[in-house]
N, C-alpha and C. Protein backbone atom coordinates (compact mmCIF):
# COMPACT_ATOMS: atom_id res chain seq x y z
N MET A 1 116.42 40.87 74.82
CA MET A 1 114.81 41.46 74.94
C MET A 1 114.96 42.54 75.53
N ILE A 2 115.99 42.70 76.61
CA ILE A 2 115.97 44.20 77.31
C ILE A 2 116.94 45.10 76.24
N ARG A 3 117.76 44.36 75.17
CA ARG A 3 118.61 45.14 74.30
C ARG A 3 117.73 45.69 73.68
N ARG A 4 116.69 45.18 73.30
CA ARG A 4 115.71 45.33 71.95
C ARG A 4 115.03 46.93 72.56
N ARG A 5 114.67 46.87 73.73
CA ARG A 5 113.68 47.85 74.30
C ARG A 5 114.81 49.13 74.57
N THR A 6 115.85 48.80 74.92
CA THR A 6 116.91 49.87 75.02
C THR A 6 117.00 50.71 74.01
N MET A 7 117.42 49.81 72.83
CA MET A 7 117.54 50.52 71.55
C MET A 7 116.07 50.74 70.81
N SER A 8 114.96 50.46 71.41
CA SER A 8 113.88 51.01 70.79
C SER A 8 113.88 52.52 71.12
N MET A 9 114.00 52.68 72.76
CA MET A 9 113.89 53.66 73.66
C MET A 9 114.97 54.75 72.78
N GLY A 10 115.78 54.52 72.68
CA GLY A 10 117.06 55.48 72.02
C GLY A 10 116.84 55.96 70.56
N ILE A 11 116.14 55.04 70.07
CA ILE A 11 115.84 55.35 68.52
C ILE A 11 114.51 56.38 68.83
N LEU A 12 113.83 56.10 69.27
CA LEU A 12 112.24 56.74 69.69
C LEU A 12 112.97 58.08 70.52
N ALA A 13 113.74 58.26 71.50
CA ALA A 13 114.37 59.53 72.01
C ALA A 13 115.25 60.59 70.53
N ALA A 14 115.87 59.58 69.75
CA ALA A 14 116.63 60.12 68.98
C ALA A 14 115.69 61.17 67.94
N LEU A 15 114.63 60.02 67.20
CA LEU A 15 113.51 60.87 66.29
C LEU A 15 112.91 62.20 67.41
N ALA A 16 112.59 61.82 68.67
CA ALA A 16 111.84 62.94 69.59
C ALA A 16 112.76 64.17 69.29
N ILE A 17 114.03 64.18 69.90
CA ILE A 17 115.10 65.33 69.60
C ILE A 17 114.99 65.92 68.13
N GLY A 18 114.91 64.79 67.12
CA GLY A 18 114.97 65.27 65.61
C GLY A 18 114.01 66.26 65.31
N LEU A 19 112.82 65.91 65.22
CA LEU A 19 111.35 66.22 65.49
C LEU A 19 111.71 67.59 66.14
N GLN A 20 112.01 67.96 67.46
CA GLN A 20 112.40 69.30 67.76
C GLN A 20 113.04 70.30 67.14
N TRP A 21 114.03 69.79 66.90
CA TRP A 21 115.11 70.36 66.44
C TRP A 21 114.20 70.58 64.71
N TRP A 22 114.20 70.06 64.08
CA TRP A 22 113.03 70.05 62.82
C TRP A 22 111.95 71.16 62.90
N VAL A 23 110.88 71.34 63.92
CA VAL A 23 110.07 72.40 64.36
C VAL A 23 110.78 73.42 64.22
N LEU A 24 111.87 73.85 65.44
CA LEU A 24 112.52 74.87 65.71
C LEU A 24 112.89 75.49 64.63
N LEU A 25 113.64 74.98 63.37
CA LEU A 25 114.39 75.04 62.49
C LEU A 25 112.68 75.78 61.76
N GLN A 26 112.00 75.21 61.31
CA GLN A 26 110.40 76.08 60.66
C GLN A 26 110.00 76.98 61.26
N GLU A 27 110.02 77.28 62.47
CA GLU A 27 109.60 78.37 63.27
C GLU A 27 110.40 79.46 62.83
N GLN A 28 111.43 79.21 63.11
CA GLN A 28 112.95 80.47 62.61
C GLN A 28 112.58 80.84 61.49
N ASP A 29 112.56 79.91 60.22
CA ASP A 29 112.33 80.37 59.00
C ASP A 29 110.72 81.01 58.80
N GLN A 30 109.74 81.03 59.46
CA GLN A 30 108.84 81.24 59.46
C GLN A 30 108.85 82.92 59.82
N ALA A 31 109.42 83.25 60.91
CA ALA A 31 109.78 84.69 61.57
C ALA A 31 110.46 85.36 60.61
N HIS A 32 111.39 84.57 60.12
CA HIS A 32 112.08 85.62 59.18
C HIS A 32 111.25 85.71 57.74
N LYS A 33 110.38 85.02 57.38
CA LYS A 33 109.67 84.85 56.56
C LYS A 33 108.34 86.46 57.06
N THR A 34 107.80 86.17 57.88
CA THR A 34 106.54 87.40 58.21
C THR A 34 107.58 88.62 58.60
N PRO A 35 106.83 89.62 57.44
CA PRO A 35 107.41 91.24 57.61
C PRO A 35 107.15 91.88 59.33
N LEU A 36 108.17 92.30 59.54
CA LEU A 36 107.88 93.27 60.84
C LEU A 36 106.98 94.24 60.44
N PRO A 37 106.38 94.85 61.19
CA PRO A 37 105.89 95.96 61.10
C PRO A 37 106.78 97.17 61.20
N ASP A 38 106.63 98.11 60.77
CA ASP A 38 107.41 99.62 60.31
C ASP A 38 107.50 100.10 62.14
N PRO A 39 108.26 100.16 62.82
CA PRO A 39 108.47 100.59 64.35
C PRO A 39 108.21 102.32 64.30
N ARG A 40 108.91 102.81 63.14
CA ARG A 40 108.14 104.35 63.03
C ARG A 40 107.23 105.00 63.16
N SER A 41 106.69 106.26 63.58
CA SER A 41 105.56 106.68 63.88
C SER A 41 105.19 107.34 62.15
N ASP A 42 103.86 107.49 62.28
CA ASP A 42 103.42 107.96 60.64
C ASP A 42 103.51 109.83 60.79
N TYR A 43 103.67 110.09 62.24
CA TYR A 43 104.33 111.79 62.32
C TYR A 43 104.48 111.65 63.68
N THR A 44 105.14 112.55 63.81
CA THR A 44 105.61 113.39 65.18
C THR A 44 105.51 115.00 64.93
N LEU A 45 104.78 115.29 66.29
CA LEU A 45 104.86 116.51 66.28
C LEU A 45 105.49 116.97 67.74
N THR A 46 106.51 118.29 67.45
CA THR A 46 106.85 118.75 68.75
C THR A 46 106.57 120.48 68.99
N GLN A 47 106.02 120.71 70.27
CA GLN A 47 105.50 121.78 70.93
C GLN A 47 104.07 122.04 70.12
N PHE A 48 103.32 121.00 70.44
CA PHE A 48 101.77 121.67 69.66
C PHE A 48 100.52 121.81 70.58
N ASP A 49 99.58 122.24 70.19
CA ASP A 49 98.65 122.77 70.38
C ASP A 49 97.59 122.07 70.08
N LEU A 50 96.63 120.96 70.71
CA LEU A 50 95.40 120.20 69.78
C LEU A 50 94.15 120.73 70.23
N LEU A 51 93.32 120.94 69.99
CA LEU A 51 91.83 121.01 70.26
C LEU A 51 91.09 119.85 69.92
N VAL A 52 90.26 119.33 70.96
CA VAL A 52 89.66 118.14 70.38
C VAL A 52 88.33 118.26 70.45
N MET A 53 87.19 118.12 69.67
CA MET A 53 86.21 118.51 69.91
C MET A 53 85.13 117.07 69.50
N ASN A 54 84.28 117.34 70.62
CA ASN A 54 83.05 116.20 70.73
C ASN A 54 82.44 115.98 69.35
N GLN A 55 81.63 114.78 69.31
CA GLN A 55 80.38 114.41 68.33
C GLN A 55 79.76 115.79 68.17
N SER A 56 79.40 116.57 69.11
CA SER A 56 78.43 117.74 68.84
C SER A 56 78.99 119.20 68.39
N GLY A 57 80.29 118.99 68.00
CA GLY A 57 81.31 120.26 67.60
C GLY A 57 81.54 120.82 68.73
N GLU A 58 81.30 120.59 70.11
CA GLU A 58 81.59 121.28 71.27
C GLU A 58 83.00 121.00 71.51
N ALA A 59 83.85 121.72 72.14
CA ALA A 59 85.36 121.56 72.49
C ALA A 59 85.03 120.75 73.55
N SER A 60 85.60 119.71 73.76
CA SER A 60 86.04 118.20 74.72
C SER A 60 87.04 118.53 75.39
N PHE A 61 88.40 118.70 74.92
CA PHE A 61 89.45 118.94 75.61
C PHE A 61 90.66 119.60 74.92
N HIS A 62 91.65 120.11 75.45
CA HIS A 62 92.83 121.00 75.01
C HIS A 62 93.86 120.11 75.28
N ILE A 63 94.77 120.18 74.19
CA ILE A 63 96.20 119.40 74.77
C ILE A 63 97.33 120.51 74.39
N THR A 64 98.33 120.56 75.26
CA THR A 64 99.50 121.45 74.95
C THR A 64 100.42 120.32 75.56
N ALA A 65 101.72 119.83 74.48
CA ALA A 65 102.67 119.53 75.09
C ALA A 65 104.03 119.49 74.01
N PRO A 66 105.18 118.88 74.91
CA PRO A 66 106.02 118.90 73.70
C PRO A 66 106.96 118.02 72.70
N TYR A 67 105.62 117.17 72.86
CA TYR A 67 106.04 115.61 71.87
C TYR A 67 104.77 114.93 71.93
N LEU A 68 104.39 114.60 70.67
CA LEU A 68 103.24 113.68 70.43
C LEU A 68 103.75 112.44 69.11
N GLU A 69 103.34 111.50 68.78
CA GLU A 69 103.67 110.57 68.06
C GLU A 69 102.01 109.74 68.04
N LYS A 70 102.31 109.52 66.17
CA LYS A 70 101.13 108.75 66.01
C LYS A 70 101.75 107.09 65.51
N ASN A 71 100.89 106.27 66.36
CA ASN A 71 101.40 104.63 66.16
C ASN A 71 100.55 104.32 64.76
N PRO A 72 101.44 103.99 63.83
CA PRO A 72 100.96 103.41 62.64
C PRO A 72 99.99 102.36 62.75
N LEU A 73 100.26 101.15 63.55
CA LEU A 73 99.44 100.24 63.90
C LEU A 73 98.08 100.43 64.19
N ASP A 74 97.70 100.91 65.21
CA ASP A 74 96.38 101.50 65.88
C ASP A 74 95.98 102.94 65.69
N GLN A 75 96.63 103.47 65.31
CA GLN A 75 96.26 105.07 65.18
C GLN A 75 96.11 105.89 66.40
N SER A 76 96.87 105.39 67.33
CA SER A 76 96.54 106.07 68.66
C SER A 76 97.62 106.94 68.65
N LEU A 77 97.74 108.01 69.67
CA LEU A 77 98.32 109.16 69.82
C LEU A 77 99.45 108.74 71.14
N SER A 78 100.87 108.76 71.07
CA SER A 78 101.58 108.96 72.45
C SER A 78 101.87 110.45 72.75
N ILE A 79 102.19 110.70 73.92
CA ILE A 79 102.25 112.15 74.16
C ILE A 79 103.22 112.06 75.41
N MET A 80 104.32 112.70 75.41
CA MET A 80 105.10 113.38 76.35
C MET A 80 104.62 114.58 77.18
N LYS A 81 104.73 114.50 78.64
CA LYS A 81 104.23 115.61 79.57
C LYS A 81 103.19 116.51 78.64
N PRO A 82 101.87 115.79 78.88
CA PRO A 82 100.95 116.76 78.20
C PRO A 82 100.15 117.73 79.61
N ASN A 83 99.90 118.29 79.02
CA ASN A 83 98.95 119.65 80.07
C ASN A 83 97.58 119.83 79.06
N ILE A 84 96.65 119.09 79.90
CA ILE A 84 95.34 119.11 79.19
C ILE A 84 94.07 120.04 80.32
N LEU A 85 93.33 120.51 79.09
CA LEU A 85 92.23 121.07 79.62
C LEU A 85 91.29 120.51 79.38
N LEU A 86 90.11 119.92 80.34
CA LEU A 86 89.44 119.06 80.27
C LEU A 86 88.13 120.18 80.58
N TYR A 87 87.11 120.47 79.48
CA TYR A 87 85.90 121.23 79.19
C TYR A 87 84.76 120.84 79.45
N ASN A 88 84.18 121.70 80.35
CA ASN A 88 83.05 121.58 81.04
C ASN A 88 81.85 122.61 80.81
N GLN A 89 80.75 122.33 80.24
CA GLN A 89 80.14 123.66 79.78
C GLN A 89 79.04 123.41 81.00
N GLN A 90 79.03 122.81 81.70
CA GLN A 90 78.03 122.85 83.30
C GLN A 90 78.60 123.29 84.36
N SER A 91 79.84 123.71 84.64
CA SER A 91 80.58 123.89 85.70
C SER A 91 82.09 124.14 85.35
N THR A 92 82.91 123.95 86.44
CA THR A 92 84.23 124.58 85.98
C THR A 92 85.19 123.42 85.28
N GLU A 93 86.26 124.14 84.76
CA GLU A 93 87.21 123.44 83.87
C GLU A 93 88.14 122.81 84.75
N TRP A 94 89.09 121.77 84.17
CA TRP A 94 89.68 120.96 85.00
C TRP A 94 91.07 121.32 84.36
N THR A 95 92.37 121.46 84.89
CA THR A 95 93.52 121.17 84.24
C THR A 95 94.20 119.80 84.93
N ILE A 96 94.88 118.90 84.06
CA ILE A 96 95.56 117.93 83.97
C ILE A 96 96.81 117.79 83.67
N GLN A 97 97.87 117.51 84.24
CA GLN A 97 99.25 117.63 83.92
C GLN A 97 99.51 115.97 84.01
N SER A 98 100.63 115.34 83.32
CA SER A 98 101.07 114.18 83.55
C SER A 98 102.60 113.71 83.14
N GLU A 99 103.06 112.72 83.26
CA GLU A 99 104.63 112.37 82.63
C GLU A 99 104.45 112.01 81.25
N SER A 100 103.31 111.36 80.79
CA SER A 100 103.04 110.78 79.52
C SER A 100 101.84 110.41 79.24
N GLY A 101 100.99 110.26 78.11
CA GLY A 101 99.67 110.29 77.97
C GLY A 101 99.64 109.69 77.08
N TRP A 102 98.43 108.84 76.70
CA TRP A 102 97.92 107.98 75.07
C TRP A 102 96.60 108.11 75.01
N ILE A 103 96.17 108.56 74.05
CA ILE A 103 94.89 109.07 73.18
C ILE A 103 94.49 108.32 71.99
N SER A 104 93.64 107.42 72.63
CA SER A 104 92.76 106.17 71.32
C SER A 104 92.67 106.99 70.18
N GLU A 105 92.57 106.04 68.99
CA GLU A 105 92.13 106.50 67.66
C GLU A 105 91.25 107.61 67.81
N ALA A 106 89.94 107.26 68.23
CA ALA A 106 88.72 108.00 68.25
C ALA A 106 88.90 109.18 69.29
N GLY A 107 89.68 109.38 69.86
CA GLY A 107 90.02 110.44 70.91
C GLY A 107 89.16 110.51 72.14
N ASP A 108 88.27 109.18 71.99
CA ASP A 108 87.20 109.00 73.26
C ASP A 108 87.89 108.12 74.59
N LEU A 109 89.16 108.43 74.68
CA LEU A 109 89.76 107.70 76.22
C LEU A 109 91.29 108.48 75.95
N LEU A 110 91.55 108.59 77.13
CA LEU A 110 93.02 109.06 77.47
C LEU A 110 93.49 108.24 78.96
N ARG A 111 94.48 108.04 78.42
CA ARG A 111 95.82 107.20 79.72
C ARG A 111 96.74 108.06 79.98
N LEU A 112 96.71 108.35 81.37
CA LEU A 112 97.88 109.66 81.53
C LEU A 112 98.76 108.62 82.73
N ASP A 113 99.71 108.47 82.34
CA ASP A 113 100.71 107.65 82.95
C ASP A 113 101.70 108.36 83.67
N GLY A 114 102.04 107.67 85.07
CA GLY A 114 103.21 108.18 85.76
C GLY A 114 102.32 109.46 86.81
N VAL A 115 103.24 110.22 87.19
CA VAL A 115 102.53 111.08 87.92
C VAL A 115 101.57 112.05 87.40
N VAL A 116 100.32 112.05 88.25
CA VAL A 116 99.49 112.89 87.32
C VAL A 116 98.85 114.07 88.43
N ASN A 117 98.51 115.09 88.07
CA ASN A 117 98.47 116.52 88.84
C ASN A 117 96.93 117.12 88.29
N MET A 118 96.00 116.89 89.14
CA MET A 118 94.73 117.43 88.31
C MET A 118 94.30 118.76 89.56
N VAL A 119 93.76 119.88 88.78
CA VAL A 119 93.70 121.12 89.46
C VAL A 119 92.25 121.85 88.80
N SER A 120 91.18 121.82 89.89
CA SER A 120 90.09 122.57 89.26
C SER A 120 90.28 124.12 89.19
N GLY A 121 89.62 124.63 88.25
CA GLY A 121 89.28 126.37 87.97
C GLY A 121 88.78 127.05 88.61
N SER A 122 88.18 126.11 89.98
CA SER A 122 87.30 126.90 90.68
C SER A 122 87.69 127.76 91.90
N GLU A 123 86.99 128.95 91.72
CA GLU A 123 88.06 129.96 92.96
C GLU A 123 87.20 129.69 94.27
N ASP A 124 86.00 129.43 94.07
CA ASP A 124 85.29 129.52 95.19
C ASP A 124 85.53 128.18 95.93
N ASP A 125 85.99 126.91 95.69
CA ASP A 125 86.25 125.71 96.01
C ASP A 125 87.44 125.09 95.32
N PRO A 126 88.74 125.48 95.31
CA PRO A 126 89.80 125.02 94.38
C PRO A 126 90.26 123.24 95.11
N VAL A 127 90.41 122.53 93.87
CA VAL A 127 90.33 121.26 94.25
C VAL A 127 91.58 120.89 93.81
N LYS A 128 92.25 120.27 94.19
CA LYS A 128 93.90 119.76 93.71
C LYS A 128 93.84 118.22 94.46
N ILE A 129 94.44 117.30 93.23
CA ILE A 129 94.10 115.84 92.96
C ILE A 129 95.63 115.18 92.32
N ASP A 130 96.52 114.62 93.30
CA ASP A 130 97.43 114.04 92.75
C ASP A 130 97.30 112.76 92.88
N GLY A 131 98.07 111.78 92.25
CA GLY A 131 98.13 110.49 92.30
C GLY A 131 99.14 110.28 90.80
N THR A 132 98.66 108.64 90.42
CA THR A 132 99.47 108.27 89.30
C THR A 132 98.52 107.38 88.72
N ASP A 133 98.84 107.26 86.93
CA ASP A 133 97.76 106.80 86.14
C ASP A 133 96.49 106.65 86.46
N PHE A 134 95.83 107.97 85.60
CA PHE A 134 94.47 108.61 85.32
C PHE A 134 93.90 107.76 84.19
N VAL A 135 92.81 107.65 84.19
CA VAL A 135 92.04 107.18 83.12
C VAL A 135 91.03 108.46 82.61
N VAL A 136 91.15 109.09 81.42
CA VAL A 136 89.85 110.15 81.28
C VAL A 136 89.15 109.93 80.20
N ILE A 137 87.70 110.04 80.39
CA ILE A 137 86.67 109.52 79.21
C ILE A 137 86.12 111.23 79.06
N PRO A 138 86.88 111.84 78.26
CA PRO A 138 86.58 113.27 78.06
C PRO A 138 84.52 113.52 77.75
N ASP A 139 84.28 112.90 76.94
CA ASP A 139 82.93 113.02 76.23
C ASP A 139 81.78 112.85 77.78
N SER A 140 82.12 111.84 78.50
CA SER A 140 81.58 111.35 79.87
C SER A 140 81.76 112.57 81.05
N LYS A 141 83.44 112.96 80.73
CA LYS A 141 83.45 113.90 81.98
C LYS A 141 83.96 112.96 83.23
N LEU A 142 84.16 111.61 82.76
CA LEU A 142 85.01 110.89 83.94
C LEU A 142 86.50 110.84 84.04
N VAL A 143 86.95 110.84 85.20
CA VAL A 143 88.27 110.59 85.44
C VAL A 143 88.70 109.47 86.32
N THR A 144 89.14 108.28 86.29
CA THR A 144 89.69 107.58 87.33
C THR A 144 90.86 107.20 87.77
N SER A 145 91.31 106.36 88.78
CA SER A 145 92.33 105.96 88.97
C SER A 145 92.24 104.81 89.70
N THR A 146 93.02 103.74 89.59
CA THR A 146 92.75 102.48 90.74
C THR A 146 94.37 103.04 91.72
N GLU A 147 95.25 103.79 91.44
CA GLU A 147 96.19 104.03 92.68
C GLU A 147 96.17 104.95 93.83
N ALA A 148 96.87 104.70 94.45
CA ALA A 148 96.83 106.09 95.76
C ALA A 148 96.72 107.71 95.22
N VAL A 149 95.81 108.20 96.00
CA VAL A 149 95.69 109.58 95.14
C VAL A 149 95.63 110.66 96.83
N VAL A 150 95.61 111.68 96.63
CA VAL A 150 95.59 112.54 97.45
C VAL A 150 94.97 113.66 97.07
N MET A 151 93.92 114.13 97.75
CA MET A 151 93.03 115.38 97.05
C MET A 151 92.98 116.38 98.34
N THR A 152 93.42 117.67 98.11
CA THR A 152 93.69 119.07 98.61
C THR A 152 92.69 119.92 98.31
N ARG A 153 91.57 120.18 99.39
CA ARG A 153 90.76 121.43 99.22
C ARG A 153 91.11 122.42 100.72
N PRO A 154 90.51 123.20 100.26
CA PRO A 154 90.64 124.49 101.54
C PRO A 154 90.46 124.18 102.86
N MET A 155 89.66 123.01 103.43
CA MET A 155 89.18 122.73 104.69
C MET A 155 89.92 121.40 105.01
N GLY A 156 90.78 121.13 103.89
CA GLY A 156 91.01 119.39 104.63
C GLY A 156 91.67 118.71 103.13
N LEU A 157 92.53 117.56 103.79
CA LEU A 157 93.43 116.70 102.93
C LEU A 157 93.32 115.63 103.23
N TYR A 158 92.63 114.72 102.02
CA TYR A 158 92.08 113.41 101.69
C TYR A 158 92.72 112.34 101.34
N GLN A 159 93.27 111.25 101.74
CA GLN A 159 94.11 110.57 100.95
C GLN A 159 93.36 109.14 100.78
N GLY A 160 93.82 108.37 99.82
CA GLY A 160 92.94 107.08 99.87
C GLY A 160 93.36 106.27 98.64
N VAL A 161 92.94 104.94 98.22
CA VAL A 161 93.24 104.04 97.17
C VAL A 161 92.02 104.38 96.18
N GLY A 162 92.35 104.70 94.41
CA GLY A 162 91.31 104.43 93.74
C GLY A 162 90.39 105.96 93.96
N PHE A 163 90.07 106.39 92.68
CA PHE A 163 89.71 107.37 92.32
C PHE A 163 88.79 107.59 91.61
N SER A 164 87.30 107.80 91.83
CA SER A 164 86.57 108.31 90.64
C SER A 164 86.31 109.91 90.55
N ALA A 165 85.77 110.52 89.66
CA ALA A 165 85.44 112.13 89.50
C ALA A 165 84.45 111.84 88.24
N ASP A 166 83.15 112.49 88.85
CA ASP A 166 82.45 113.11 87.54
C ASP A 166 82.29 114.46 87.36
N ILE A 167 83.06 114.69 86.52
CA ILE A 167 83.30 115.90 86.20
C ILE A 167 82.08 117.16 86.33
N ARG A 168 81.14 116.21 85.25
CA ARG A 168 80.19 117.16 84.61
C ARG A 168 79.10 117.67 86.07
N ASN A 169 79.03 116.42 86.94
CA ASN A 169 77.79 116.89 88.01
C ASN A 169 78.95 116.81 89.42
N ASN A 170 80.14 117.25 89.31
CA ASN A 170 81.36 117.80 90.19
C ASN A 170 80.81 116.95 91.34
N ILE A 171 81.09 115.63 91.07
CA ILE A 171 81.50 114.17 91.94
C ILE A 171 82.90 113.84 92.02
N LEU A 172 83.49 113.72 93.36
CA LEU A 172 84.69 113.41 93.11
C LEU A 172 84.39 112.30 94.69
N GLU A 173 84.93 111.22 94.24
CA GLU A 173 85.32 109.97 95.33
C GLU A 173 86.77 108.90 95.61
N ILE A 174 87.02 109.30 96.71
CA ILE A 174 88.21 108.24 96.91
C ILE A 174 87.72 107.04 97.01
N LEU A 175 88.25 106.06 96.94
CA LEU A 175 87.02 104.96 96.61
C LEU A 175 87.49 103.69 97.82
N SER A 176 88.87 103.89 98.24
CA SER A 176 89.29 102.62 99.81
C SER A 176 90.19 103.70 100.29
N GLU A 177 90.47 102.85 101.57
CA GLU A 177 91.26 103.40 102.43
C GLU A 177 91.50 104.64 102.87
N VAL A 178 90.46 105.50 103.00
CA VAL A 178 90.41 107.04 103.00
C VAL A 178 90.86 107.12 104.56
N THR A 179 91.55 108.26 104.42
CA THR A 179 91.69 109.39 105.71
C THR A 179 91.84 110.93 105.26
N ALA A 180 91.32 111.44 106.25
CA ALA A 180 91.02 112.95 106.11
C ALA A 180 91.44 113.30 107.41
N ARG A 181 92.28 114.97 106.98
CA ARG A 181 92.26 115.66 107.94
C ARG A 181 91.82 116.94 107.60
N TYR A 182 91.00 117.49 108.64
CA TYR A 182 90.25 118.67 108.87
C TYR A 182 91.09 119.82 109.12
N GLU A 183 91.20 120.82 108.17
CA GLU A 183 91.71 122.25 108.89
C GLU A 183 91.03 123.19 108.39
N PRO A 184 90.43 123.90 109.56
CA PRO A 184 89.61 124.66 109.54
C PRO A 184 90.51 126.00 109.40
N GLU A 185 89.77 126.90 108.64
CA GLU A 185 90.60 128.29 108.02
C GLU A 185 90.63 129.32 109.56
């Protein structure tokens, strides 16, 4: 009786191992049959200058950079070392620089990766914001980050975690862990 049970368990174990091996072979065969997408981009640009318009036909933002690459799968753009001028008809323009960036197919979302520097064009109250990994929504003139930021103004230095800027209404917020140093002139 024990011998039968041991032999049955051995046969079941061998069948299970064989079934796993067969499934693994099927998956490998399927992987070879599925064509991989071409990893090459549709096109690349070097030393380019790009002006993006909004739905109303107004200039939304302007980018210059040494390299751009279009992704054929999702039609997005990857950019190295972008220098962005974010236009704002209501108030001052902002210049934003980063190590790399990504633009959605519709041009309605920019992701700026690595170190990011943002400077207002205002001569009356210049603002400089340094941080990492910013998201820009050009049509709404919104800029956000969940990372640490440092904001420098003529009268002080502000640091914290998380950042939100409504460029259109000139509202700048550091969201948490805020410290400030007031420096009178």
